[in-house]
């Protein structure tokens, strides 16, 4: 579609019948704009249907979007996610690579492909893309990209490398709770309970209560056989976050002992 606009522009600048050609230029640009806008709308609808689990309708909308604007990287990126959900990894990979070729610096395109790669066990490729997103000036949350890289490495049982990514995230934004949760879980997993507890308490002291960390605090304190400490975390979770998933998970911990 971008080629259509450039051709129309050249026509507008050539020949004696300038007024007629300018009219044609305007019409061509309008048609291009309409198609692009329709593709954006259908991509948004396709994404919404996909998230609702209606994959057939999602595919119909995304097929339309592709026909309307095949040069839109977001169309290909969302189609990649759809094909992944449909159990078509080769098609998904092709769509993600097309999106990346069309928009090599688009952080959303990079992130979506990185998630796919990590889920498929292609850890090094996924981490490389997450780190690329983190260092991209257009990406507003590099701490999230580094944390995602760490999660990818954790899933591959490369815990020391994962820890380094979580630390990078917290160096950028010390209040980024997802990275703190991941680090504390990692410490708990390796039975480094005092360090996990210190991470949790430092965050709660500096940035206030958080339901994920309070629940994790209960688990760590119980592992330390510190029942009073576990009760303090649990009381805050019950009082400040009633009806949450974390509060229900706490009830499950109590039920299982």
Protein backbone atom coordinates (compact mmCIF):
# COMPACT_ATOMS: atom_id res chain seq x y z
CA UNK A 1 0.00 0.00 0.00
CA UNK A 2 2.91 2.33 0.62
CA UNK A 3 3.99 1.74 -2.99
CA UNK A 4 0.56 2.81 -4.19
CA UNK A 5 0.92 6.11 -2.39
CA UNK A 6 4.38 6.80 -3.83
CA UNK A 7 3.16 6.03 -7.37
CA UNK A 8 0.18 8.33 -6.89
CA UNK A 9 2.49 11.07 -5.62
CA UNK A 10 4.69 10.86 -8.70
CA UNK A 11 1.60 11.11 -10.89
CA UNK A 12 0.51 14.17 -8.98
CA UNK A 13 3.76 15.95 -9.80
CA UNK A 14 3.81 15.10 -13.52
CA UNK A 15 1.97 16.23 -16.67
CA UNK A 16 -0.11 19.17 -17.73
CA UNK A 17 -3.42 17.96 -16.32
CA UNK A 18 -2.32 18.68 -12.78
CA UNK A 19 -5.78 19.31 -11.37
CA UNK A 20 -7.13 15.99 -12.63
CA UNK A 21 -4.10 14.11 -11.37
CA UNK A 22 -4.30 15.75 -7.96
CA UNK A 23 -7.89 14.58 -7.79
CA UNK A 24 -6.78 11.06 -8.65
CA UNK A 25 -4.03 11.32 -6.04
CA UNK A 26 -6.52 12.31 -3.38
CA UNK A 27 -8.80 9.42 -4.28
CA UNK A 28 -5.94 6.91 -4.24
CA UNK A 29 -4.75 8.12 -0.84
CA UNK A 30 -8.27 7.96 0.53
CA UNK A 31 -8.74 4.40 -0.68
CA UNK A 32 -5.37 3.42 0.79
CA UNK A 33 -6.21 5.05 4.10
CA UNK A 34 -9.61 3.34 4.22
CA UNK A 35 -8.04 -0.06 3.61
CA UNK A 36 -5.40 0.51 6.25
CA UNK A 37 -7.95 1.66 8.79
CA UNK A 38 -10.14 -1.33 8.03
CA UNK A 39 -7.14 -3.63 8.52
CA UNK A 40 -6.43 -2.06 11.92
CA UNK A 41 -10.05 -2.50 12.98
CA UNK A 42 -10.18 -6.11 11.83
CA UNK A 43 -6.88 -6.85 13.58
CA UNK A 44 -8.27 -5.49 16.83
CA UNK A 45 -11.45 -7.54 16.39
CA UNK A 46 -9.44 -10.63 15.53
CA UNK A 47 -7.31 -10.21 18.63
CA UNK A 48 -10.40 -9.77 20.81
CA UNK A 49 -12.08 -12.88 19.39
CA UNK A 50 -8.86 -14.84 19.83
CA UNK A 51 -8.66 -13.84 23.49
CA UNK A 52 -12.27 -14.95 23.91
CA UNK A 53 -11.39 -18.35 22.44
CA UNK A 54 -13.38 -17.91 19.22
CA UNK A 55 -10.53 -18.87 16.89
CA UNK A 56 -12.66 -19.34 13.78
CA UNK A 57 -14.07 -15.83 13.92
CA UNK A 58 -10.65 -14.46 14.86
CA UNK A 59 -9.16 -16.04 11.75
CA UNK A 60 -11.90 -14.61 9.55
CA UNK A 61 -11.19 -11.07 10.81
CA UNK A 62 -7.43 -11.49 10.51
CA UNK A 63 -7.73 -12.93 6.99
CA UNK A 64 -9.67 -9.81 6.04
CA UNK A 65 -7.06 -7.60 7.67
CA UNK A 66 -4.31 -9.34 5.71
CA UNK A 67 -6.14 -8.77 2.43
CA UNK A 68 -6.73 -5.12 3.31
CA UNK A 69 -3.14 -4.31 4.31
CA UNK A 70 -0.56 -7.09 3.90
CA UNK A 71 2.23 -4.65 4.83
CA UNK A 72 0.90 -4.09 8.37
CA UNK A 73 3.28 -5.87 10.78
CA UNK A 74 0.66 -6.02 13.54
CA UNK A 75 -1.61 -8.08 11.28
CA UNK A 76 1.12 -10.68 10.86
CA UNK A 77 2.08 -10.61 14.53
CA UNK A 78 -1.47 -11.29 15.72
CA UNK A 79 -1.89 -13.95 13.04
CA UNK A 80 1.25 -15.55 14.46
CA UNK A 81 -0.36 -15.71 17.89
CA UNK A 82 -3.53 -17.14 16.37
CA UNK A 83 -1.73 -19.88 14.45
CA UNK A 84 0.15 -20.74 17.62
CA UNK A 85 -3.16 -21.20 19.46
CA UNK A 86 -4.42 -23.29 16.55
CA UNK A 87 -1.48 -25.68 16.91
CA UNK A 88 0.21 -24.56 13.70
CA UNK A 89 3.72 -23.59 14.87
CA UNK A 90 5.32 -23.45 11.41
CA UNK A 91 2.67 -21.04 10.15
CA UNK A 92 2.95 -19.03 13.36
CA UNK A 93 6.72 -18.78 13.01
CA UNK A 94 6.40 -17.60 9.41
CA UNK A 95 3.94 -14.88 10.41
CA UNK A 96 6.11 -13.68 13.29
CA UNK A 97 9.16 -13.52 11.03
CA UNK A 98 7.22 -11.55 8.44
CA UNK A 99 6.10 -9.10 11.13
CA UNK A 100 9.68 -8.72 12.33
CA UNK A 101 10.93 -8.13 8.78
CA UNK A 102 8.32 -5.41 8.26
CA UNK A 103 8.94 -3.76 11.65
CA UNK A 104 12.33 -4.86 13.04
CA UNK A 105 12.25 -2.22 15.81
CA UNK A 106 8.60 -2.51 16.85
CA UNK A 107 8.73 -3.60 20.51
CA UNK A 108 5.33 -5.30 20.43
CA UNK A 109 6.28 -7.34 17.37
CA UNK A 110 9.59 -8.29 19.00
CA UNK A 111 7.92 -9.20 22.30
CA UNK A 112 5.22 -11.37 20.69
CA UNK A 113 7.77 -13.37 18.72
CA UNK A 114 10.03 -13.72 21.76
CA UNK A 115 7.17 -15.17 23.82
CA UNK A 116 6.46 -17.68 21.06
CA UNK A 117 10.11 -18.71 20.84
CA UNK A 118 10.41 -19.22 24.59
CA UNK A 119 7.24 -21.29 24.70
CA UNK A 120 8.69 -23.49 21.95
CA UNK A 121 11.92 -24.06 23.85
CA UNK A 122 13.96 -21.80 21.57
CA UNK A 123 15.40 -20.07 24.61
CA UNK A 124 18.46 -18.34 23.17
CA UNK A 125 16.46 -16.83 20.31
CA UNK A 126 13.71 -15.66 22.66
CA UNK A 127 16.08 -14.12 25.19
CA UNK A 128 17.98 -12.33 22.44
CA UNK A 129 14.75 -10.71 21.23
CA UNK A 130 13.62 -9.76 24.75
CA UNK A 131 16.97 -8.07 25.33
CA UNK A 132 16.64 -6.36 21.97
CA UNK A 133 13.27 -5.00 23.08
CA UNK A 134 14.72 -3.88 26.42
CA UNK A 135 17.39 -1.77 24.72
CA UNK A 136 14.95 -0.34 22.18
CA UNK A 137 14.34 3.37 22.83
CA UNK A 138 10.71 2.90 21.70
CA UNK A 139 10.04 0.33 24.43
CA UNK A 140 8.60 2.05 27.47
CA UNK A 141 8.97 -0.87 29.92
CA UNK A 142 12.45 -2.41 29.53
CA UNK A 143 12.14 -3.87 33.02
CA UNK A 144 9.31 -6.09 31.73
CA UNK A 145 11.41 -7.28 28.79
CA UNK A 146 14.31 -8.22 31.06
CA UNK A 147 11.91 -10.00 33.42
CA UNK A 148 10.43 -11.92 30.50
CA UNK A 149 13.94 -12.92 29.46
CA UNK A 150 14.51 -14.19 32.99
CA UNK A 151 11.27 -16.18 32.98
CA UNK A 152 12.30 -17.71 29.66
CA UNK A 153 15.65 -18.75 31.14
CA UNK A 154 14.01 -20.09 34.31
CA UNK A 155 11.76 -22.32 32.23
CA UNK A 156 14.92 -23.71 30.63
CA UNK A 157 16.41 -24.28 34.13
CA UNK A 158 19.17 -21.75 33.49
CA UNK A 159 18.69 -20.12 36.86
CA UNK A 160 21.94 -18.16 37.18
CA UNK A 161 21.31 -16.43 33.86
CA UNK A 162 17.69 -15.84 34.85
CA UNK A 163 18.79 -14.15 38.06
CA UNK A 164 20.99 -11.76 36.09
CA UNK A 165 18.01 -10.72 33.97
CA UNK A 166 15.81 -10.08 37.01
CA UNK A 167 18.58 -7.96 38.55
CA UNK A 168 18.77 -5.90 35.34
CA UNK A 169 15.03 -5.29 35.58
CA UNK A 170 15.29 -4.08 39.17
CA UNK A 171 18.25 -1.85 38.40
CA UNK A 172 15.99 -0.03 35.96
CA UNK A 173 12.89 -0.04 38.17
CA UNK A 174 13.32 -1.21 41.80
CA UNK A 175 9.54 -1.16 42.32
CA UNK A 176 8.85 -3.67 39.51
CA UNK A 177 7.16 -6.34 41.59
CA UNK A 178 7.16 -9.09 38.94
CA UNK A 179 10.96 -9.20 39.00
CA UNK A 180 11.00 -9.26 42.81
CA UNK A 181 8.53 -12.17 42.84
CA UNK A 182 10.64 -14.08 40.34
CA UNK A 183 13.85 -13.47 42.29
CA UNK A 184 12.29 -14.44 45.61
CA UNK A 185 10.79 -17.59 44.08
CA UNK A 186 14.19 -18.46 42.66
CA UNK A 187 15.79 -18.06 46.08
CA UNK A 188 13.08 -20.16 47.69
CA UNK A 189 13.49 -22.83 45.02
CA UNK A 190 17.20 -23.05 45.86
CA UNK A 191 16.43 -23.06 49.60
CA UNK A 192 17.99 -19.64 50.12
CA UNK A 193 15.15 -18.68 52.42
CA UNK A 194 16.76 -15.74 54.29
CA UNK A 195 17.54 -13.97 51.01
CA UNK A 196 14.03 -14.59 49.69
CA UNK A 197 12.57 -13.22 52.92
CA UNK A 198 14.86 -10.17 52.79
CA UNK A 199 13.75 -9.39 49.23
CA UNK A 200 10.08 -9.61 50.19
CA UNK A 201 10.43 -7.50 53.33
CA UNK A 202 12.53 -4.84 51.59
CA UNK A 203 9.93 -4.42 48.87
CA UNK A 204 7.01 -4.26 51.33
CA UNK A 205 8.86 -1.70 53.45
CA UNK A 206 9.74 0.59 50.54
CA UNK A 207 6.79 0.22 48.17
CA UNK A 208 3.87 -1.03 50.25
CA UNK A 209 1.84 -4.22 50.31
CA UNK A 210 1.47 -6.44 47.27
CA UNK A 211 -0.73 -9.56 47.24
CA UNK A 212 1.72 -11.74 45.31
CA UNK A 213 4.56 -10.93 47.68
CA UNK A 214 2.40 -11.34 50.78
CA UNK A 215 1.37 -14.81 49.60
CA UNK A 216 4.97 -15.66 48.81
CA UNK A 217 5.95 -14.31 52.22
CA UNK A 218 3.57 -16.80 53.86
CA UNK A 219 5.17 -19.66 51.94
CA UNK A 220 8.73 -18.57 52.75
CA UNK A 221 7.99 -17.96 56.44
CA UNK A 222 6.34 -21.36 56.77
CA UNK A 223 9.35 -22.98 55.10
CA UNK A 224 11.46 -21.24 57.77
CA UNK A 225 9.12 -22.62 60.47
CA UNK A 226 8.29 -19.01 61.41
CA UNK A 227 4.59 -19.31 62.13
CA UNK A 228 4.26 -15.80 63.61
CA UNK A 229 5.83 -14.27 60.52
CA UNK A 230 3.59 -16.34 58.26
CA UNK A 231 0.56 -15.14 60.22
CA UNK A 232 1.58 -11.50 59.79
CA UNK A 233 1.80 -11.85 56.02
CA UNK A 234 -1.46 -13.81 55.93
CA UNK A 235 -3.32 -11.24 58.03
CA UNK A 236 -2.31 -8.41 55.71
CA UNK A 237 -3.33 -10.44 52.68
CA UNK A 238 -6.73 -11.27 54.15
CA UNK A 239 -7.43 -7.71 55.33
CA UNK A 240 -6.15 -5.78 52.33
CA UNK A 241 -6.94 -8.13 49.45
CA UNK A 242 -10.15 -10.02 50.24
CA UNK A 243 -11.69 -11.96 47.38
CA UNK A 244 -8.50 -11.96 45.29
CA UNK A 245 -6.87 -14.96 43.66
CA UNK A 246 -4.03 -14.62 46.16
CA UNK A 247 -6.43 -14.71 49.11
CA UNK A 248 -8.07 -17.83 47.69
CA UNK A 249 -4.63 -19.39 47.17
CA UNK A 250 -3.87 -18.65 50.83
CA UNK A 251 -7.04 -20.50 51.83
CA UNK A 252 -5.80 -23.42 49.73
CA UNK A 253 -2.45 -23.37 51.55
CA UNK A 254 -4.28 -23.43 54.88
CA UNK A 255 -6.44 -26.33 53.71
CA UNK A 256 -3.42 -28.40 52.68
CA UNK A 257 -1.55 -27.52 55.84
